[in-house]
N, C-alpha and C. Protein backbone atom coordinates (compact mmCIF):
# COMPACT_ATOMS: atom_id res chain seq x y z
N MET A 1 3.88 22.33 -41.99
CA MET A 1 3.87 21.88 -40.62
C MET A 1 2.88 22.75 -39.83
N ASN A 2 2.01 22.10 -39.09
CA ASN A 2 0.97 22.78 -38.33
C ASN A 2 1.40 22.83 -36.86
N ILE A 3 1.96 23.94 -36.43
CA ILE A 3 2.54 24.07 -35.09
C ILE A 3 1.49 23.94 -33.98
N PRO A 4 0.32 24.58 -34.07
CA PRO A 4 -0.67 24.39 -32.99
C PRO A 4 -1.10 22.93 -32.82
N TRP A 5 -1.22 22.20 -33.93
CA TRP A 5 -1.59 20.79 -33.85
C TRP A 5 -0.50 19.98 -33.15
N GLU A 6 0.76 20.26 -33.47
CA GLU A 6 1.87 19.56 -32.83
C GLU A 6 1.93 19.87 -31.34
N ILE A 7 1.71 21.11 -30.94
CA ILE A 7 1.70 21.48 -29.51
C ILE A 7 0.55 20.78 -28.79
N ALA A 8 -0.60 20.69 -29.44
CA ALA A 8 -1.75 20.00 -28.83
C ALA A 8 -1.45 18.52 -28.63
N LYS A 9 -0.82 17.88 -29.61
CA LYS A 9 -0.47 16.47 -29.48
C LYS A 9 0.53 16.25 -28.35
N ILE A 10 1.56 17.11 -28.28
CA ILE A 10 2.57 16.98 -27.23
C ILE A 10 1.93 17.19 -25.86
N SER A 11 1.05 18.16 -25.75
CA SER A 11 0.37 18.42 -24.47
C SER A 11 -0.49 17.24 -24.07
N PHE A 12 -1.22 16.67 -25.02
CA PHE A 12 -2.07 15.51 -24.73
C PHE A 12 -1.24 14.34 -24.21
N TYR A 13 -0.16 14.01 -24.89
CA TYR A 13 0.66 12.88 -24.47
C TYR A 13 1.36 13.15 -23.14
N LEU A 14 1.75 14.39 -22.90
CA LEU A 14 2.34 14.74 -21.61
C LEU A 14 1.34 14.54 -20.48
N LEU A 15 0.12 15.02 -20.67
CA LEU A 15 -0.92 14.82 -19.65
C LEU A 15 -1.25 13.34 -19.46
N LEU A 16 -1.24 12.59 -20.53
CA LEU A 16 -1.50 11.15 -20.44
C LEU A 16 -0.43 10.44 -19.62
N VAL A 17 0.83 10.75 -19.89
CA VAL A 17 1.94 10.13 -19.15
C VAL A 17 1.90 10.54 -17.69
N LEU A 18 1.67 11.82 -17.42
CA LEU A 18 1.59 12.29 -16.03
C LEU A 18 0.43 11.64 -15.30
N GLY A 19 -0.69 11.46 -15.97
CA GLY A 19 -1.84 10.79 -15.37
C GLY A 19 -1.53 9.34 -15.03
N LEU A 20 -0.85 8.64 -15.94
CA LEU A 20 -0.48 7.25 -15.68
C LEU A 20 0.51 7.14 -14.52
N ILE A 21 1.45 8.05 -14.44
CA ILE A 21 2.40 8.06 -13.33
C ILE A 21 1.66 8.29 -12.01
N TYR A 22 0.70 9.21 -12.01
CA TYR A 22 -0.07 9.49 -10.80
C TYR A 22 -0.86 8.25 -10.38
N LEU A 23 -1.53 7.60 -11.31
CA LEU A 23 -2.31 6.40 -10.98
C LEU A 23 -1.41 5.28 -10.45
N LEU A 24 -0.26 5.09 -11.07
CA LEU A 24 0.68 4.07 -10.62
C LEU A 24 1.15 4.37 -9.20
N ALA A 25 1.50 5.62 -8.93
CA ALA A 25 1.94 5.99 -7.59
C ALA A 25 0.82 5.81 -6.57
N TYR A 26 -0.40 6.13 -6.94
CA TYR A 26 -1.54 5.97 -6.05
C TYR A 26 -1.75 4.51 -5.68
N PHE A 27 -1.75 3.63 -6.68
CA PHE A 27 -1.96 2.21 -6.40
C PHE A 27 -0.80 1.60 -5.63
N LEU A 28 0.41 1.99 -5.96
CA LEU A 28 1.56 1.46 -5.23
C LEU A 28 1.56 1.92 -3.78
N LYS A 29 1.24 3.18 -3.55
CA LYS A 29 1.21 3.70 -2.18
C LYS A 29 0.13 3.02 -1.35
N ASN A 30 -1.03 2.83 -1.92
CA ASN A 30 -2.14 2.28 -1.16
C ASN A 30 -2.11 0.76 -1.05
N ASN A 31 -1.47 0.08 -1.96
CA ASN A 31 -1.52 -1.38 -1.93
C ASN A 31 -0.21 -2.03 -1.53
N ILE A 32 0.89 -1.56 -2.04
CA ILE A 32 2.17 -2.17 -1.71
C ILE A 32 2.54 -1.89 -0.27
N SER A 33 2.28 -0.68 0.20
CA SER A 33 2.65 -0.36 1.57
C SER A 33 1.88 -1.19 2.58
N ARG A 34 0.72 -1.66 2.21
CA ARG A 34 -0.08 -2.49 3.10
C ARG A 34 0.30 -3.96 3.05
N SER A 35 1.13 -4.31 2.12
CA SER A 35 1.44 -5.73 1.96
C SER A 35 2.65 -6.16 2.77
N GLY A 36 2.99 -5.43 3.82
CA GLY A 36 4.12 -5.79 4.66
C GLY A 36 3.74 -6.91 5.61
N LYS A 37 3.55 -8.09 5.06
CA LYS A 37 3.15 -9.19 5.90
C LYS A 37 3.83 -10.47 5.45
N GLY A 38 4.07 -11.31 6.40
CA GLY A 38 4.63 -12.61 6.13
C GLY A 38 3.66 -13.66 6.64
N LYS A 39 4.16 -14.84 6.87
CA LYS A 39 3.29 -15.88 7.40
C LYS A 39 3.00 -15.68 8.88
N GLN A 40 3.98 -15.20 9.62
CA GLN A 40 3.83 -15.05 11.06
C GLN A 40 3.79 -13.60 11.52
N ILE A 41 4.40 -12.69 10.76
CA ILE A 41 4.50 -11.30 11.17
C ILE A 41 3.76 -10.43 10.16
N LYS A 42 2.89 -9.55 10.66
CA LYS A 42 2.15 -8.64 9.80
C LYS A 42 2.33 -7.22 10.32
N VAL A 43 2.65 -6.28 9.41
CA VAL A 43 2.75 -4.87 9.77
C VAL A 43 1.36 -4.28 9.61
N ILE A 44 0.79 -3.83 10.73
CA ILE A 44 -0.55 -3.26 10.70
C ILE A 44 -0.49 -1.82 10.21
N GLU A 45 0.43 -1.04 10.79
CA GLU A 45 0.56 0.36 10.42
C GLU A 45 1.96 0.84 10.76
N GLN A 46 2.45 1.79 9.98
CA GLN A 46 3.74 2.39 10.26
C GLN A 46 3.63 3.89 10.05
N VAL A 47 4.12 4.66 11.03
CA VAL A 47 4.07 6.12 10.98
C VAL A 47 5.50 6.64 11.08
N TYR A 48 5.89 7.49 10.14
CA TYR A 48 7.24 8.06 10.14
C TYR A 48 7.22 9.36 10.93
N LEU A 49 8.10 9.44 11.92
CA LEU A 49 8.21 10.64 12.75
C LEU A 49 9.23 11.61 12.17
N SER A 50 10.25 11.10 11.56
CA SER A 50 11.27 11.88 10.86
C SER A 50 11.86 10.95 9.80
N PRO A 51 12.78 11.43 8.97
CA PRO A 51 13.27 10.58 7.88
C PRO A 51 13.83 9.21 8.32
N LYS A 52 14.40 9.12 9.51
CA LYS A 52 14.99 7.85 9.91
C LYS A 52 14.42 7.31 11.21
N LYS A 53 13.25 7.82 11.61
CA LYS A 53 12.61 7.37 12.84
C LYS A 53 11.14 7.11 12.56
N SER A 54 10.64 5.98 13.07
CA SER A 54 9.24 5.64 12.85
C SER A 54 8.70 4.79 13.99
N LEU A 55 7.39 4.72 14.04
CA LEU A 55 6.68 3.82 14.94
C LEU A 55 5.95 2.80 14.09
N ALA A 56 5.96 1.56 14.52
CA ALA A 56 5.28 0.51 13.77
C ALA A 56 4.41 -0.30 14.71
N LEU A 57 3.24 -0.63 14.24
CA LEU A 57 2.33 -1.50 14.96
C LEU A 57 2.31 -2.82 14.20
N ILE A 58 2.82 -3.87 14.82
CA ILE A 58 2.90 -5.17 14.15
C ILE A 58 2.22 -6.23 15.00
N THR A 59 1.85 -7.32 14.35
CA THR A 59 1.26 -8.44 15.06
C THR A 59 2.08 -9.69 14.79
N VAL A 60 2.34 -10.43 15.83
CA VAL A 60 3.05 -11.71 15.75
C VAL A 60 2.19 -12.70 16.52
N HIS A 61 1.72 -13.71 15.81
CA HIS A 61 0.77 -14.69 16.37
C HIS A 61 -0.43 -13.92 16.94
N ASN A 62 -0.65 -13.93 18.21
CA ASN A 62 -1.80 -13.24 18.81
C ASN A 62 -1.38 -12.06 19.67
N THR A 63 -0.21 -11.51 19.42
CA THR A 63 0.29 -10.39 20.20
C THR A 63 0.56 -9.21 19.27
N ILE A 64 0.18 -8.01 19.72
CA ILE A 64 0.40 -6.79 18.96
C ILE A 64 1.48 -5.99 19.67
N PHE A 65 2.47 -5.53 18.89
CA PHE A 65 3.61 -4.78 19.43
C PHE A 65 3.63 -3.38 18.84
N LEU A 66 3.93 -2.39 19.68
CA LEU A 66 4.24 -1.05 19.22
C LEU A 66 5.75 -0.92 19.29
N ILE A 67 6.38 -0.71 18.14
CA ILE A 67 7.84 -0.73 18.04
C ILE A 67 8.32 0.62 17.53
N SER A 68 9.42 1.11 18.12
CA SER A 68 10.06 2.32 17.60
C SER A 68 11.30 1.90 16.81
N ASN A 69 11.45 2.48 15.63
CA ASN A 69 12.58 2.19 14.75
C ASN A 69 13.41 3.44 14.59
N SER A 70 14.73 3.30 14.69
CA SER A 70 15.64 4.40 14.39
C SER A 70 16.93 3.79 13.87
N ASN A 71 17.87 4.64 13.50
CA ASN A 71 19.16 4.14 13.02
C ASN A 71 19.91 3.39 14.12
N GLU A 72 19.77 3.85 15.33
CA GLU A 72 20.54 3.28 16.44
C GLU A 72 19.97 1.97 16.95
N LYS A 73 18.63 1.89 17.08
CA LYS A 73 18.06 0.68 17.66
C LYS A 73 16.59 0.53 17.30
N VAL A 74 16.09 -0.66 17.58
CA VAL A 74 14.68 -0.97 17.47
C VAL A 74 14.24 -1.42 18.85
N SER A 75 13.18 -0.82 19.37
CA SER A 75 12.75 -1.20 20.72
C SER A 75 11.24 -1.35 20.78
N VAL A 76 10.81 -2.23 21.65
CA VAL A 76 9.38 -2.48 21.86
C VAL A 76 8.90 -1.50 22.92
N LEU A 77 7.89 -0.72 22.58
CA LEU A 77 7.36 0.27 23.52
C LEU A 77 6.21 -0.31 24.35
N LYS A 78 5.35 -1.10 23.73
CA LYS A 78 4.20 -1.65 24.43
C LYS A 78 3.71 -2.88 23.69
N THR A 79 3.10 -3.80 24.42
CA THR A 79 2.50 -5.00 23.83
C THR A 79 1.06 -5.14 24.28
N TRP A 80 0.24 -5.72 23.41
CA TRP A 80 -1.15 -6.00 23.72
C TRP A 80 -1.49 -7.39 23.22
N ASP A 81 -2.54 -7.94 23.75
CA ASP A 81 -3.10 -9.18 23.22
C ASP A 81 -4.03 -8.81 22.07
N SER A 82 -4.12 -9.64 21.06
CA SER A 82 -4.95 -9.29 19.90
C SER A 82 -6.43 -9.24 20.27
N LYS A 83 -6.81 -9.85 21.39
CA LYS A 83 -8.21 -9.78 21.82
C LYS A 83 -8.60 -8.36 22.20
N ASP A 84 -7.62 -7.51 22.53
CA ASP A 84 -7.90 -6.12 22.89
C ASP A 84 -8.28 -5.28 21.68
N PHE A 85 -7.98 -5.77 20.47
CA PHE A 85 -8.25 -5.03 19.23
C PHE A 85 -9.04 -5.90 18.24
N PRO A 86 -10.31 -6.16 18.50
CA PRO A 86 -11.08 -6.99 17.55
C PRO A 86 -11.26 -6.33 16.19
N GLU A 87 -11.26 -4.98 16.13
CA GLU A 87 -11.44 -4.29 14.85
C GLU A 87 -10.24 -4.47 13.94
N LEU A 88 -9.04 -4.68 14.50
CA LEU A 88 -7.85 -4.89 13.68
C LEU A 88 -7.93 -6.21 12.94
N LYS A 89 -8.48 -7.22 13.56
CA LYS A 89 -8.60 -8.51 12.90
C LYS A 89 -9.53 -8.40 11.69
N ASP A 90 -10.64 -7.68 11.85
CA ASP A 90 -11.56 -7.47 10.73
C ASP A 90 -10.89 -6.68 9.62
N GLU A 91 -10.10 -5.67 9.98
CA GLU A 91 -9.40 -4.84 9.01
C GLU A 91 -8.38 -5.65 8.22
N MET A 92 -7.64 -6.52 8.91
CA MET A 92 -6.63 -7.34 8.23
C MET A 92 -7.28 -8.33 7.27
N VAL A 93 -8.45 -8.84 7.61
CA VAL A 93 -9.15 -9.78 6.73
C VAL A 93 -9.63 -9.06 5.47
N LYS A 94 -10.06 -7.80 5.60
CA LYS A 94 -10.58 -7.05 4.46
C LYS A 94 -9.49 -6.71 3.45
N ARG A 95 -8.27 -6.53 3.89
CA ARG A 95 -7.18 -6.11 3.01
C ARG A 95 -6.74 -7.28 2.13
N ALA A 96 -6.70 -7.02 0.85
CA ALA A 96 -6.18 -8.02 -0.07
C ALA A 96 -4.77 -7.60 -0.49
N SER A 97 -3.98 -8.56 -0.89
CA SER A 97 -2.63 -8.23 -1.35
C SER A 97 -2.71 -7.58 -2.73
N PHE A 98 -1.63 -6.91 -3.13
CA PHE A 98 -1.60 -6.25 -4.42
C PHE A 98 -1.77 -7.28 -5.54
N LYS A 99 -1.19 -8.44 -5.38
CA LYS A 99 -1.30 -9.49 -6.40
C LYS A 99 -2.77 -9.88 -6.58
N GLU A 100 -3.51 -10.06 -5.48
CA GLU A 100 -4.92 -10.42 -5.58
C GLU A 100 -5.72 -9.29 -6.21
N TYR A 101 -5.42 -8.04 -5.82
CA TYR A 101 -6.12 -6.89 -6.36
C TYR A 101 -5.85 -6.75 -7.86
N PHE A 102 -4.60 -6.90 -8.27
CA PHE A 102 -4.24 -6.80 -9.68
C PHE A 102 -4.89 -7.93 -10.49
N GLN A 103 -4.92 -9.13 -9.94
CA GLN A 103 -5.56 -10.25 -10.63
C GLN A 103 -7.05 -9.99 -10.80
N GLN A 104 -7.68 -9.38 -9.80
CA GLN A 104 -9.10 -9.03 -9.89
C GLN A 104 -9.34 -8.03 -11.02
N ILE A 105 -8.47 -7.02 -11.14
CA ILE A 105 -8.59 -6.03 -12.21
C ILE A 105 -8.44 -6.70 -13.58
N ILE A 106 -7.46 -7.57 -13.70
CA ILE A 106 -7.23 -8.27 -14.97
C ILE A 106 -8.45 -9.10 -15.34
N ASN A 107 -8.98 -9.85 -14.39
CA ASN A 107 -10.14 -10.70 -14.66
C ASN A 107 -11.37 -9.88 -15.02
N ASP A 108 -11.55 -8.72 -14.36
CA ASP A 108 -12.71 -7.88 -14.64
C ASP A 108 -12.64 -7.23 -16.02
N ASN A 109 -11.43 -6.96 -16.50
CA ASN A 109 -11.26 -6.25 -17.77
C ASN A 109 -10.85 -7.14 -18.93
N ARG A 110 -10.91 -8.43 -18.77
CA ARG A 110 -10.54 -9.36 -19.83
C ARG A 110 -11.54 -9.27 -20.96
N ARG A 111 -11.05 -9.26 -22.19
CA ARG A 111 -11.93 -9.20 -23.36
C ARG A 111 -12.77 -10.46 -23.46
N GLY A 112 -14.01 -10.26 -23.82
CA GLY A 112 -14.88 -11.40 -24.05
C GLY A 112 -15.47 -11.99 -22.78
N SER A 113 -15.15 -11.45 -21.61
CA SER A 113 -15.68 -12.02 -20.38
C SER A 113 -17.15 -11.68 -20.20
N ASP A 114 -17.58 -10.48 -20.68
CA ASP A 114 -18.96 -10.07 -20.54
C ASP A 114 -19.76 -10.20 -21.83
N ASP A 115 -19.12 -10.64 -22.91
CA ASP A 115 -19.78 -10.71 -24.22
C ASP A 115 -20.62 -11.95 -24.34
């Protein structure tokens, strides 16, 4: 039994698994968290102030709301018309859902597609 070889193999597989976990967490954090949208309501951004308190910027039809969330209540702090934020509309168009992003990766890496 070659102990240094076995330690090297275990170290390699450990680093491989940790790397895959890191990549999965990175993609989930960046893509899933942005997919908080429905047909009528879209979450533009959410900032956590403490473990159970947050601020959320959402859009409903053509109105943007700043909402505070806590255990006790949800309240609207301020509202704007979407015309006041033209850059948000461009940002929302650029964002693709995780499903679309994943499908793009699958299509790009399919065997025989470039052969």
